[in-house]
Amino acid sequence: MSIAVTGDVPYYAVIFTSLRTPGDHGYGRMAETMVEAASRQPGFLGVESAREEVGITVSYWQSLEAIAAWKRDLDHLMAQRLGREQWYQAYRTRICKVERDYGFVRD
């Protein structure tokens, strides 16, 4: 995993924070599949994810319309249903407009 290269601002971030249920139950493979599918969506810019006690996945998008289209994707809808049925104790999704973006990379 690396830091997403998102390009020029403004763009949007979808922050998905979750608490998992015990066991994998196919979660790891589905997470990989969803990142692959999202990366093929128009307007997708990148993703970053971390999982410890709280899982946090941030995906980056060119527009609110691109986010809405991903929300309606049939495979994504199936993953959302499985998440509520099997994988998540709780989750929260936040959508933010990114107006500043800066960073550092060591040579």
C-alpha atoms as a PDB file:
ATOM      1  CA  MET A   1       0.000   0.000   0.000  1.00  0.00           C
ATOM      2  CA  SER A   2       1.234   3.490  -0.743  1.00  0.00           C
ATOM      3  CA  ILE A   3       0.052   7.056  -0.346  1.00  0.00           C
ATOM      4  CA  ALA A   4      -2.481   7.921  -3.045  1.00  0.00           C
ATOM      5  CA  VAL A   5      -1.441  10.467  -5.665  1.00  0.00           C
ATOM      6  CA  THR A   6      -4.589  12.540  -6.014  1.00  0.00           C
ATOM      7  CA  GLY A   7      -3.690  15.440  -8.288  1.00  0.00           C
ATOM      8  CA  ASP A   8      -4.983  18.972  -8.125  1.00  0.00           C
ATOM      9  CA  VAL A   9      -7.482  20.246  -5.581  1.00  0.00           C
ATOM     10  CA  PRO A  10     -10.341  20.410  -5.107  1.00  0.00           C
ATOM     11  CA  TYR A  11     -11.375  16.779  -4.999  1.00  0.00           C
ATOM     12  CA  TYR A  12     -13.361  14.663  -2.558  1.00  0.00           C
ATOM     13  CA  ALA A  13     -12.450  12.135   0.129  1.00  0.00           C
ATOM     14  CA  VAL A  14     -14.757   9.372   1.321  1.00  0.00           C
ATOM     15  CA  ILE A  15     -13.672   8.299   4.802  1.00  0.00           C
ATOM     16  CA  PHE A  16     -15.015   4.890   5.811  1.00  0.00           C
ATOM     17  CA  THR A  17     -14.383   3.994   9.462  1.00  0.00           C
ATOM     18  CA  SER A  18     -15.424   0.579  10.766  1.00  0.00           C
ATOM     19  CA  LEU A  19     -15.412  -1.838  13.670  1.00  0.00           C
ATOM     20  CA  ARG A  20     -15.268  -5.447  12.477  1.00  0.00           C
ATOM     21  CA  THR A  21     -17.004  -8.546  13.718  1.00  0.00           C
ATOM     22  CA  PRO A  22     -14.722 -11.498  14.662  1.00  0.00           C
ATOM     23  CA  GLY A  23     -13.329 -13.625  11.817  1.00  0.00           C
ATOM     24  CA  ASP A  24     -12.625 -12.895   8.167  1.00  0.00           C
ATOM     25  CA  HIS A  25     -15.614 -14.566   6.434  1.00  0.00           C
ATOM     26  CA  GLY A  26     -14.259 -13.509   3.027  1.00  0.00           C
ATOM     27  CA  TYR A  27     -13.741  -9.890   4.065  1.00  0.00           C
ATOM     28  CA  GLY A  28     -10.091  -9.637   2.960  1.00  0.00           C
ATOM     29  CA  ARG A  29     -10.787 -10.882  -0.550  1.00  0.00           C
ATOM     30  CA  MET A  30     -13.867  -8.660  -0.894  1.00  0.00           C
ATOM     31  CA  ALA A  31     -11.853  -5.626   0.242  1.00  0.00           C
ATOM     32  CA  GLU A  32      -9.275  -6.336  -2.492  1.00  0.00           C
ATOM     33  CA  THR A  33     -12.036  -6.823  -5.060  1.00  0.00           C
ATOM     34  CA  MET A  34     -13.699  -3.525  -4.106  1.00  0.00           C
ATOM     35  CA  VAL A  35     -10.424  -1.572  -4.441  1.00  0.00           C
ATOM     36  CA  GLU A  36      -9.877  -3.137  -7.879  1.00  0.00           C
ATOM     37  CA  ALA A  37     -13.458  -2.311  -8.927  1.00  0.00           C
ATOM     38  CA  ALA A  38     -13.312   1.247  -7.553  1.00  0.00           C
ATOM     39  CA  SER A  39     -10.060   1.879  -9.428  1.00  0.00           C
ATOM     40  CA  ARG A  40     -11.902   1.238 -12.701  1.00  0.00           C
ATOM     41  CA  GLN A  41     -14.641   3.779 -11.910  1.00  0.00           C
ATOM     42  CA  PRO A  42     -14.558   7.154 -13.700  1.00  0.00           C
ATOM     43  CA  GLY A  43     -13.399   9.828 -11.279  1.00  0.00           C
ATOM     44  CA  PHE A  44     -11.509   7.497  -8.928  1.00  0.00           C
ATOM     45  CA  LEU A  45      -8.213   9.034  -7.779  1.00  0.00           C
ATOM     46  CA  GLY A  46      -6.822   6.579  -5.201  1.00  0.00           C
ATOM     47  CA  VAL A  47      -7.261   4.836  -1.858  1.00  0.00           C
ATOM     48  CA  GLU A  48      -5.459   4.463   1.468  1.00  0.00           C
ATOM     49  CA  SER A  49      -6.397   1.965   4.156  1.00  0.00           C
ATOM     50  CA  ALA A  50      -5.327   0.918   7.658  1.00  0.00           C
ATOM     51  CA  ARG A  51      -6.753  -1.739   9.946  1.00  0.00           C
ATOM     52  CA  GLU A  52      -6.016  -2.218  13.592  1.00  0.00           C
ATOM     53  CA  GLU A  53      -8.686  -1.900  16.263  1.00  0.00           C
ATOM     54  CA  VAL A  54     -10.542   0.564  14.026  1.00  0.00           C
ATOM     55  CA  GLY A  55     -10.459   0.178  10.246  1.00  0.00           C
ATOM     56  CA  ILE A  56     -10.088   3.354   8.221  1.00  0.00           C
ATOM     57  CA  THR A  57     -10.270   3.483   4.431  1.00  0.00           C
ATOM     58  CA  VAL A  58     -10.078   6.777   2.573  1.00  0.00           C
ATOM     59  CA  SER A  59     -10.917   6.838  -1.120  1.00  0.00           C
ATOM     60  CA  TYR A  60     -10.437   9.909  -3.297  1.00  0.00           C
ATOM     61  CA  TRP A  61     -12.731  11.057  -6.085  1.00  0.00           C
ATOM     62  CA  GLN A  62     -12.906  13.858  -8.648  1.00  0.00           C
ATOM     63  CA  SER A  63     -16.550  14.714  -7.935  1.00  0.00           C
ATOM     64  CA  LEU A  64     -19.633  14.026  -5.859  1.00  0.00           C
ATOM     65  CA  GLU A  65     -21.184  12.485  -8.979  1.00  0.00           C
ATOM     66  CA  ALA A  66     -18.340   9.951  -9.187  1.00  0.00           C
ATOM     67  CA  ILE A  67     -18.905   9.041  -5.528  1.00  0.00           C
ATOM     68  CA  ALA A  68     -22.644   8.610  -6.125  1.00  0.00           C
ATOM     69  CA  ALA A  69     -21.977   6.352  -9.135  1.00  0.00           C
ATOM     70  CA  TRP A  70     -19.663   4.147  -7.031  1.00  0.00           C
ATOM     71  CA  LYS A  71     -22.305   3.984  -4.288  1.00  0.00           C
ATOM     72  CA  ARG A  72     -24.749   2.549  -6.891  1.00  0.00           C
ATOM     73  CA  ASP A  73     -22.295   0.013  -8.404  1.00  0.00           C
ATOM     74  CA  LEU A  74     -23.912  -3.456  -8.238  1.00  0.00           C
ATOM     75  CA  ASP A  75     -20.841  -5.251  -6.857  1.00  0.00           C
ATOM     76  CA  HIS A  76     -20.375  -2.473  -4.310  1.00  0.00           C
ATOM     77  CA  LEU A  77     -24.054  -2.769  -3.290  1.00  0.00           C
ATOM     78  CA  MET A  78     -23.517  -6.504  -2.692  1.00  0.00           C
ATOM     79  CA  ALA A  79     -20.415  -5.787  -0.570  1.00  0.00           C
ATOM     80  CA  GLN A  80     -22.360  -3.188   1.428  1.00  0.00           C
ATOM     81  CA  ARG A  81     -25.101  -5.752   2.141  1.00  0.00           C
ATOM     82  CA  LEU A  82     -22.551  -8.377   3.233  1.00  0.00           C
ATOM     83  CA  GLY A  83     -20.853  -5.780   5.418  1.00  0.00           C
ATOM     84  CA  ARG A  84     -24.067  -5.104   7.328  1.00  0.00           C
ATOM     85  CA  GLU A  85     -24.897  -8.829   7.540  1.00  0.00           C
ATOM     86  CA  GLN A  86     -21.460 -10.261   8.417  1.00  0.00           C
ATOM     87  CA  TRP A  87     -18.408  -8.027   8.635  1.00  0.00           C
ATOM     88  CA  TYR A  88     -19.210  -4.866  10.575  1.00  0.00           C
ATOM     89  CA  GLN A  89     -20.189  -4.257  14.141  1.00  0.00           C
ATOM     90  CA  ALA A  90     -20.503  -0.576  13.227  1.00  0.00           C
ATOM     91  CA  TYR A  91     -19.356   1.818  10.519  1.00  0.00           C
ATOM     92  CA  ARG A  92     -19.480   5.484   9.575  1.00  0.00           C
ATOM     93  CA  THR A  93     -18.995   7.091   6.154  1.00  0.00           C
ATOM     94  CA  ARG A  94     -17.948  10.728   5.827  1.00  0.00           C
ATOM     95  CA  ILE A  95     -17.610  12.668   2.576  1.00  0.00           C
ATOM     96  CA  CYS A  96     -15.334  15.703   2.561  1.00  0.00           C
ATOM     97  CA  LYS A  97     -14.169  18.254   0.027  1.00  0.00           C
ATOM     98  CA  VAL A  98     -10.368  18.521  -0.038  1.00  0.00           C
ATOM     99  CA  GLU A  99      -9.268  22.097  -0.595  1.00  0.00           C
ATOM    100  CA  ARG A 100      -5.590  21.838   0.380  1.00  0.00           C
ATOM    101  CA  ASP A 101      -3.157  19.016  -0.306  1.00  0.00           C
ATOM    102  CA  TYR A 102       0.559  18.995   0.481  1.00  0.00           C
ATOM    103  CA  GLY A 103       3.154  16.482   1.580  1.00  0.00           C
ATOM    104  CA  PHE A 104       6.727  15.282   1.799  1.00  0.00           C
ATOM    105  CA  VAL A 105       8.653  12.446   0.146  1.00  0.00           C
ATOM    106  CA  ARG A 106      12.148  11.474   1.293  1.00  0.00           C
ATOM    107  CA  ASP A 107      14.634  10.958  -1.559  1.00  0.00           C
END
